Amino acid sequence: MAEFFDNPEQLIEKAKNSKTFKMVSYAVGAIAVLVISWFLYQQFVFKPANEKSKTAYWRAMVYLENDEPDNALAEFERVAKKYDGKVGGEISQYMAGRLYMDKGEFKKALKLLEKAKLNDLYLGTMVIGLQGHCHVELGDFKKAVKLYEKAAKRKANEFTTPMYLMKAALIHEMKLNNFEDAVEIYKSIEMDYYEYFKTNNVEKYLERVVNKVK
């Protein structure tokens, strides 16, 4: 410590000439370059492309409005590939998956829906729920109920949460014979989403499954 106060310039010069100091300097410099490169990419590449992607699927929507689902599907898939990772690309992937479901091609639909990454409150939840529906159609009820429950837990709200809880309860009751689990879910809908419970006559489902519990 005394040496530093006596001759700080000499110590600094020694540090600069040391291999450790040089390696640390290079590492810090490399990190700085990566950070700057990432910032430039976000500002001048990703963000403009992301904004452009939001309107890239308009032609597919026109095809849908004109009742041309095959043309719409082809266009959605084109946009999904071109803008993969961007908002418009992810929405297009979701829509393409949904159209494959309408065609009864659930394996193709599932492949697209599993790749779609959406943060939107409803679309982000429904993309999970639709995967559950695909698994129902493919006969994998255990996987389906897990996805329905996952969808129900994601960003709780009055619309998608009770809807997917209901779907999960029906699979537990009708396909897996998990009657106690079904009762628990029906009761949770009654307690937390009474308007849905009343409007969709969930009470009759609850009464029915209660009689099945031994």
C-alpha atoms as a PDB file:
ATOM      1  CA  MET A   1       0.000   0.000   0.000  1.00  0.00           C
ATOM      2  CA  ALA A   2       2.846   2.387   0.896  1.00  0.00           C
ATOM      3  CA  GLU A   3       4.446   1.674  -2.500  1.00  0.00           C
ATOM      4  CA  PHE A   4       1.311   2.862  -4.235  1.00  0.00           C
ATOM      5  CA  PHE A   5       1.285   6.182  -2.430  1.00  0.00           C
ATOM      6  CA  ASP A   6       5.039   6.623  -2.987  1.00  0.00           C
ATOM      7  CA  ASN A   7       5.019   5.868  -6.719  1.00  0.00           C
ATOM      8  CA  PRO A   8       1.491   5.232  -8.086  1.00  0.00           C
ATOM      9  CA  GLU A   9       2.529   5.819 -11.729  1.00  0.00           C
ATOM     10  CA  GLN A  10       5.067   2.970 -11.569  1.00  0.00           C
ATOM     11  CA  LEU A  11       2.485   0.527 -10.206  1.00  0.00           C
ATOM     12  CA  ILE A  12      -0.032   1.507 -12.868  1.00  0.00           C
ATOM     13  CA  GLU A  13       2.608   0.989 -15.567  1.00  0.00           C
ATOM     14  CA  LYS A  14       3.382  -2.482 -14.154  1.00  0.00           C
ATOM     15  CA  ALA A  15      -0.303  -3.366 -14.217  1.00  0.00           C
ATOM     16  CA  LYS A  16      -0.641  -2.278 -17.838  1.00  0.00           C
ATOM     17  CA  ASN A  17       2.243  -4.523 -18.845  1.00  0.00           C
ATOM     18  CA  SER A  18       0.917  -7.592 -17.025  1.00  0.00           C
ATOM     19  CA  LYS A  19      -0.749 -10.414 -19.018  1.00  0.00           C
ATOM     20  CA  THR A  20      -3.701 -10.544 -16.605  1.00  0.00           C
ATOM     21  CA  PHE A  21      -4.400  -6.851 -17.067  1.00  0.00           C
ATOM     22  CA  LYS A  22      -4.249  -7.205 -20.842  1.00  0.00           C
ATOM     23  CA  MET A  23      -6.599 -10.214 -20.833  1.00  0.00           C
ATOM     24  CA  VAL A  24      -9.133  -8.397 -18.627  1.00  0.00           C
ATOM     25  CA  SER A  25      -8.910  -5.334 -20.861  1.00  0.00           C
ATOM     26  CA  TYR A  26      -9.563  -7.419 -23.975  1.00  0.00           C
ATOM     27  CA  ALA A  27     -12.512  -9.145 -22.287  1.00  0.00           C
ATOM     28  CA  VAL A  28     -14.077  -5.869 -21.187  1.00  0.00           C
ATOM     29  CA  GLY A  29     -13.546  -4.460 -24.679  1.00  0.00           C
ATOM     30  CA  ALA A  30     -15.187  -7.492 -26.268  1.00  0.00           C
ATOM     31  CA  ILE A  31     -18.210  -7.196 -23.966  1.00  0.00           C
ATOM     32  CA  ALA A  32     -18.526  -3.509 -24.806  1.00  0.00           C
ATOM     33  CA  VAL A  33     -18.491  -4.332 -28.527  1.00  0.00           C
ATOM     34  CA  LEU A  34     -21.193  -6.977 -28.019  1.00  0.00           C
ATOM     35  CA  VAL A  35     -23.394  -4.573 -26.038  1.00  0.00           C
ATOM     36  CA  ILE A  36     -23.031  -1.830 -28.641  1.00  0.00           C
ATOM     37  CA  SER A  37     -23.678  -4.315 -31.472  1.00  0.00           C
ATOM     38  CA  TRP A  38     -26.802  -5.599 -29.727  1.00  0.00           C
ATOM     39  CA  PHE A  39     -28.068  -2.044 -29.205  1.00  0.00           C
ATOM     40  CA  LEU A  40     -27.465  -1.137 -32.863  1.00  0.00           C
ATOM     41  CA  TYR A  41     -29.200  -4.336 -34.010  1.00  0.00           C
ATOM     42  CA  GLN A  42     -32.230  -3.589 -31.838  1.00  0.00           C
ATOM     43  CA  GLN A  43     -32.464   0.031 -32.983  1.00  0.00           C
ATOM     44  CA  PHE A  44     -31.731  -0.280 -36.683  1.00  0.00           C
ATOM     45  CA  VAL A  45     -32.571  -3.867 -37.658  1.00  0.00           C
ATOM     46  CA  PHE A  46     -34.982  -5.624 -35.290  1.00  0.00           C
ATOM     47  CA  LYS A  47     -37.323  -2.757 -34.441  1.00  0.00           C
ATOM     48  CA  PRO A  48     -37.945  -1.618 -38.051  1.00  0.00           C
ATOM     49  CA  ALA A  49     -38.446  -5.224 -39.198  1.00  0.00           C
ATOM     50  CA  ASN A  50     -40.718  -5.869 -36.216  1.00  0.00           C
ATOM     51  CA  GLU A  51     -42.892  -2.865 -37.099  1.00  0.00           C
ATOM     52  CA  LYS A  52     -43.029  -3.901 -40.758  1.00  0.00           C
ATOM     53  CA  SER A  53     -44.067  -7.431 -39.781  1.00  0.00           C
ATOM     54  CA  LYS A  54     -47.202  -6.136 -38.028  1.00  0.00           C
ATOM     55  CA  THR A  55     -48.832  -5.317 -41.348  1.00  0.00           C
ATOM     56  CA  ALA A  56     -47.185  -8.016 -43.464  1.00  0.00           C
ATOM     57  CA  TYR A  57     -50.097 -10.445 -43.173  1.00  0.00           C
ATOM     58  CA  TRP A  58     -52.813  -8.111 -44.456  1.00  0.00           C
ATOM     59  CA  ARG A  59     -53.071 -10.038 -47.740  1.00  0.00           C
ATOM     60  CA  ALA A  60     -53.763 -13.256 -45.814  1.00  0.00           C
ATOM     61  CA  MET A  61     -56.562 -11.503 -43.919  1.00  0.00           C
ATOM     62  CA  VAL A  62     -58.096 -10.379 -47.224  1.00  0.00           C
ATOM     63  CA  TYR A  63     -58.051 -13.990 -48.417  1.00  0.00           C
ATOM     64  CA  LEU A  64     -59.875 -15.001 -45.236  1.00  0.00           C
ATOM     65  CA  GLU A  65     -62.500 -12.307 -45.721  1.00  0.00           C
ATOM     66  CA  ASN A  66     -63.015 -13.580 -49.278  1.00  0.00           C
ATOM     67  CA  ASP A  67     -63.416 -17.142 -47.997  1.00  0.00           C
ATOM     68  CA  GLU A  68     -60.166 -18.382 -49.542  1.00  0.00           C
ATOM     69  CA  PRO A  69     -58.634 -20.322 -46.621  1.00  0.00           C
ATOM     70  CA  ASP A  70     -56.023 -22.186 -48.690  1.00  0.00           C
ATOM     71  CA  ASN A  71     -54.606 -18.952 -50.107  1.00  0.00           C
ATOM     72  CA  ALA A  72     -54.733 -17.400 -46.645  1.00  0.00           C
ATOM     73  CA  LEU A  73     -52.854 -20.363 -45.196  1.00  0.00           C
ATOM     74  CA  ALA A  74     -50.124 -20.130 -47.820  1.00  0.00           C
ATOM     75  CA  GLU A  75     -49.734 -16.404 -47.183  1.00  0.00           C
ATOM     76  CA  PHE A  76     -49.637 -16.798 -43.400  1.00  0.00           C
ATOM     77  CA  GLU A  77     -46.945 -19.450 -43.724  1.00  0.00           C
ATOM     78  CA  ARG A  78     -44.915 -17.201 -46.033  1.00  0.00           C
ATOM     79  CA  VAL A  79     -45.093 -14.310 -43.543  1.00  0.00           C
ATOM     80  CA  ALA A  80     -44.364 -16.603 -40.592  1.00  0.00           C
ATOM     81  CA  LYS A  81     -41.168 -17.800 -42.293  1.00  0.00           C
ATOM     82  CA  LYS A  82     -40.042 -14.341 -43.414  1.00  0.00           C
ATOM     83  CA  TYR A  83     -40.726 -12.624 -40.078  1.00  0.00           C
ATOM     84  CA  ASP A  84     -39.938 -15.441 -37.683  1.00  0.00           C
ATOM     85  CA  GLY A  85     -39.410 -13.990 -34.204  1.00  0.00           C
ATOM     86  CA  LYS A  86     -41.202 -10.743 -35.065  1.00  0.00           C
ATOM     87  CA  VAL A  87     -44.737  -9.913 -33.905  1.00  0.00           C
ATOM     88  CA  GLY A  88     -46.294 -10.306 -37.352  1.00  0.00           C
ATOM     89  CA  GLY A  89     -44.475 -13.569 -37.938  1.00  0.00           C
ATOM     90  CA  GLU A  90     -45.655 -15.041 -34.649  1.00  0.00           C
ATOM     91  CA  ILE A  91     -49.266 -13.983 -35.273  1.00  0.00           C
ATOM     92  CA  SER A  92     -49.060 -15.494 -38.768  1.00  0.00           C
ATOM     93  CA  GLN A  93     -47.745 -18.724 -37.269  1.00  0.00           C
ATOM     94  CA  TYR A  94     -50.700 -18.776 -34.874  1.00  0.00           C
ATOM     95  CA  MET A  95     -53.178 -18.129 -37.687  1.00  0.00           C
ATOM     96  CA  ALA A  96     -51.625 -20.801 -39.913  1.00  0.00           C
ATOM     97  CA  GLY A  97     -51.901 -23.291 -37.067  1.00  0.00           C
ATOM     98  CA  ARG A  98     -55.538 -22.356 -36.569  1.00  0.00           C
ATOM     99  CA  LEU A  99     -56.276 -22.879 -40.268  1.00  0.00           C
ATOM    100  CA  TYR A 100     -54.612 -26.297 -40.220  1.00  0.00           C
ATOM    101  CA  MET A 101     -56.929 -27.169 -37.329  1.00  0.00           C
ATOM    102  CA  ASP A 102     -59.917 -26.184 -39.468  1.00  0.00           C
ATOM    103  CA  LYS A 103     -58.601 -28.570 -42.141  1.00  0.00           C
ATOM    104  CA  GLY A 104     -58.342 -31.364 -39.557  1.00  0.00           C
ATOM    105  CA  GLU A 105     -54.552 -31.536 -39.860  1.00  0.00           C
ATOM    106  CA  PHE A 106     -53.806 -31.403 -36.167  1.00  0.00           C
ATOM    107  CA  LYS A 107     -50.184 -32.566 -36.252  1.00  0.00           C
ATOM    108  CA  LYS A 108     -49.269 -29.761 -38.641  1.00  0.00           C
ATOM    109  CA  ALA A 109     -51.285 -27.327 -36.550  1.00  0.00           C
ATOM    110  CA  LEU A 110     -49.554 -28.407 -33.367  1.00  0.00           C
ATOM    111  CA  LYS A 111     -46.107 -27.989 -34.903  1.00  0.00           C
ATOM    112  CA  LEU A 112     -46.881 -24.356 -35.769  1.00  0.00           C
ATOM    113  CA  LEU A 113     -48.686 -23.507 -32.540  1.00  0.00           C
ATOM    114  CA  GLU A 114     -45.832 -24.840 -30.418  1.00  0.00           C
ATOM    115  CA  LYS A 115     -43.452 -22.441 -32.167  1.00  0.00           C
ATOM    116  CA  ALA A 116     -45.672 -19.357 -31.864  1.00  0.00           C
ATOM    117  CA  LYS A 117     -44.441 -17.011 -29.119  1.00  0.00           C
ATOM    118  CA  LEU A 118     -47.085 -14.426 -28.258  1.00  0.00           C
ATOM    119  CA  ASN A 119     -47.153 -12.115 -25.236  1.00  0.00           C
ATOM    120  CA  ASP A 120     -50.662 -10.807 -25.820  1.00  0.00           C
ATOM    121  CA  LEU A 121     -53.089 -11.490 -22.954  1.00  0.00           C
ATOM    122  CA  TYR A 122     -55.557 -13.454 -25.057  1.00  0.00           C
ATOM    123  CA  LEU A 123     -53.571 -14.730 -28.056  1.00  0.00           C
ATOM    124  CA  GLY A 124     -50.698 -15.848 -25.848  1.00  0.00           C
ATOM    125  CA  THR A 125     -53.158 -17.853 -23.774  1.00  0.00           C
ATOM    126  CA  MET A 126     -55.187 -19.195 -26.670  1.00  0.00           C
ATOM    127  CA  VAL A 127     -52.122 -20.509 -28.484  1.00  0.00           C
ATOM    128  CA  ILE A 128     -51.578 -22.785 -25.467  1.00  0.00           C
ATOM    129  CA  GLY A 129     -55.236 -23.755 -25.314  1.00  0.00           C
ATOM    130  CA  LEU A 130     -55.315 -24.603 -29.019  1.00  0.00           C
ATOM    131  CA  GLN A 131     -52.374 -26.931 -28.488  1.00  0.00           C
ATOM    132  CA  GLY A 132     -54.528 -28.640 -25.886  1.00  0.00           C
ATOM    133  CA  HIS A 133     -57.342 -28.987 -28.419  1.00  0.00           C
ATOM    134  CA  CYS A 134     -54.944 -30.556 -30.925  1.00  0.00           C
ATOM    135  CA  HIS A 135     -53.906 -33.135 -28.355  1.00  0.00           C
ATOM    136  CA  VAL A 136     -57.576 -33.914 -27.656  1.00  0.00           C
ATOM    137  CA  GLU A 137     -58.114 -34.576 -31.361  1.00  0.00           C
ATOM    138  CA  LEU A 138     -54.967 -36.712 -31.433  1.00  0.00           C
ATOM    139  CA  GLY A 139     -56.161 -38.719 -28.430  1.00  0.00           C
ATOM    140  CA  ASP A 140     -53.526 -37.578 -25.926  1.00  0.00           C
ATOM    141  CA  PHE A 141     -55.879 -36.473 -23.155  1.00  0.00           C
ATOM    142  CA  LYS A 142     -53.283 -36.276 -20.382  1.00  0.00           C
ATOM    143  CA  LYS A 143     -51.219 -33.830 -22.398  1.00  0.00           C
ATOM    144  CA  ALA A 144     -54.356 -31.941 -23.370  1.00  0.00           C
ATOM    145  CA  VAL A 145     -55.508 -31.398 -19.797  1.00  0.00           C
ATOM    146  CA  LYS A 146     -52.054 -30.141 -18.759  1.00  0.00           C
ATOM    147  CA  LEU A 147     -52.127 -27.570 -21.545  1.00  0.00           C
ATOM    148  CA  TYR A 148     -55.675 -26.475 -20.693  1.00  0.00           C
ATOM    149  CA  GLU A 149     -54.634 -25.992 -17.065  1.00  0.00           C
ATOM    150  CA  LYS A 150     -51.514 -24.121 -18.168  1.00  0.00           C
ATOM    151  CA  ALA A 151     -53.641 -21.834 -20.345  1.00  0.00           C
ATOM    152  CA  ALA A 152     -56.038 -21.232 -17.455  1.00  0.00           C
ATOM    153  CA  LYS A 153     -53.206 -20.207 -15.126  1.00  0.00           C
ATOM    154  CA  ARG A 154     -51.583 -17.813 -17.594  1.00  0.00           C
ATOM    155  CA  LYS A 155     -52.582 -14.202 -16.865  1.00  0.00           C
ATOM    156  CA  ALA A 156     -55.896 -14.848 -15.116  1.00  0.00           C
ATOM    157  CA  ASN A 157     -58.882 -13.012 -16.552  1.00  0.00           C
ATOM    158  CA  GLU A 158     -62.661 -13.359 -16.808  1.00  0.00           C
ATOM    159  CA  PHE A 159     -62.614 -14.723 -20.365  1.00  0.00           C
ATOM    160  CA  THR A 160     -59.909 -17.305 -21.016  1.00  0.00           C
ATOM    161  CA  THR A 161     -59.368 -18.535 -17.449  1.00  0.00           C
ATOM    162  CA  PRO A 162     -62.827 -20.031 -16.793  1.00  0.00           C
ATOM    163  CA  MET A 163     -63.065 -21.227 -20.411  1.00  0.00           C
ATOM    164  CA  TYR A 164     -59.926 -23.330 -20.128  1.00  0.00           C
ATOM    165  CA  LEU A 165     -60.723 -24.449 -16.607  1.00  0.00           C
ATOM    166  CA  MET A 166     -64.000 -25.762 -18.012  1.00  0.00           C
ATOM    167  CA  LYS A 167     -62.218 -27.622 -20.802  1.00  0.00           C
ATOM    168  CA  ALA A 168     -59.773 -29.141 -18.307  1.00  0.00           C
ATOM    169  CA  ALA A 169     -62.631 -30.235 -16.027  1.00  0.00           C
ATOM    170  CA  LEU A 170     -64.478 -31.901 -18.905  1.00  0.00           C
ATOM    171  CA  ILE A 171     -61.369 -33.860 -19.919  1.00  0.00           C
ATOM    172  CA  HIS A 172     -60.825 -34.943 -16.310  1.00  0.00           C
ATOM    173  CA  GLU A 173     -64.429 -36.078 -16.082  1.00  0.00           C
ATOM    174  CA  MET A 174     -65.196 -37.501 -19.525  1.00  0.00           C
ATOM    175  CA  LYS A 175     -61.859 -38.883 -20.714  1.00  0.00           C
ATOM    176  CA  LEU A 176     -59.636 -39.539 -17.705  1.00  0.00           C
ATOM    177  CA  ASN A 177     -62.253 -40.446 -15.059  1.00  0.00           C
ATOM    178  CA  ASN A 178     -60.549 -38.068 -12.627  1.00  0.00           C
ATOM    179  CA  PHE A 179     -63.863 -37.168 -11.029  1.00  0.00           C
ATOM    180  CA  GLU A 180     -62.455 -35.541  -7.912  1.00  0.00           C
ATOM    181  CA  ASP A 181     -60.223 -33.274  -9.995  1.00  0.00           C
ATOM    182  CA  ALA A 182     -63.224 -32.323 -12.105  1.00  0.00           C
ATOM    183  CA  VAL A 183     -65.274 -31.484  -9.007  1.00  0.00           C
ATOM    184  CA  GLU A 184     -62.473 -29.304  -7.675  1.00  0.00           C
ATOM    185  CA  ILE A 185     -62.202 -27.355 -10.943  1.00  0.00           C
ATOM    186  CA  TYR A 186     -65.970 -26.895 -11.345  1.00  0.00           C
ATOM    187  CA  LYS A 187     -66.120 -25.556  -7.776  1.00  0.00           C
ATOM    188  CA  SER A 188     -63.221 -23.190  -8.438  1.00  0.00           C
ATOM    189  CA  ILE A 189     -65.158 -21.779 -11.404  1.00  0.00           C
ATOM    190  CA  GLU A 190     -68.187 -21.284  -9.161  1.00  0.00           C
ATOM    191  CA  MET A 191     -66.105 -19.535  -6.525  1.00  0.00           C
ATOM    192  CA  ASP A 192     -63.871 -17.353  -8.707  1.00  0.00           C
ATOM    193  CA  TYR A 193     -65.855 -16.907 -11.925  1.00  0.00           C
ATOM    194  CA  TYR A 194     -69.469 -17.050 -10.875  1.00  0.00           C
ATOM    195  CA  GLU A 195     -70.774 -15.140 -13.910  1.00  0.00           C
ATOM    196  CA  TYR A 196     -69.262 -17.759 -16.231  1.00  0.00           C
ATOM    197  CA  PHE A 197     -70.509 -20.511 -13.904  1.00  0.00           C
ATOM    198  CA  LYS A 198     -74.055 -19.180 -14.105  1.00  0.00           C
ATOM    199  CA  THR A 199     -74.089 -18.204 -17.794  1.00  0.00           C
ATOM    200  CA  ASN A 200     -72.695 -21.544 -18.974  1.00  0.00           C
ATOM    201  CA  ASN A 201     -74.800 -23.666 -16.619  1.00  0.00           C
ATOM    202  CA  VAL A 202     -71.713 -25.231 -15.046  1.00  0.00           C
ATOM    203  CA  GLU A 203     -73.849 -26.247 -12.070  1.00  0.00           C
ATOM    204  CA  LYS A 204     -75.336 -29.166 -14.020  1.00  0.00           C
ATOM    205  CA  TYR A 205     -71.840 -30.474 -14.797  1.00  0.00           C
ATOM    206  CA  LEU A 206     -70.877 -30.170 -11.150  1.00  0.00           C
ATOM    207  CA  GLU A 207     -73.997 -32.029 -10.015  1.00  0.00           C
ATOM    208  CA  ARG A 208     -73.382 -34.757 -12.570  1.00  0.00           C
ATOM    209  CA  VAL A 209     -69.767 -35.417 -11.608  1.00  0.00           C
ATOM    210  CA  VAL A 210     -70.475 -35.259  -7.868  1.00  0.00           C
ATOM    211  CA  ASN A 211     -72.673 -38.314  -8.334  1.00  0.00           C
ATOM    212  CA  LYS A 212     -69.739 -40.126  -9.956  1.00  0.00           C
ATOM    213  CA  VAL A 213     -67.389 -39.598  -7.010  1.00  0.00           C
ATOM    214  CA  LYS A 214     -67.311 -42.723  -4.862  1.00  0.00           C
END
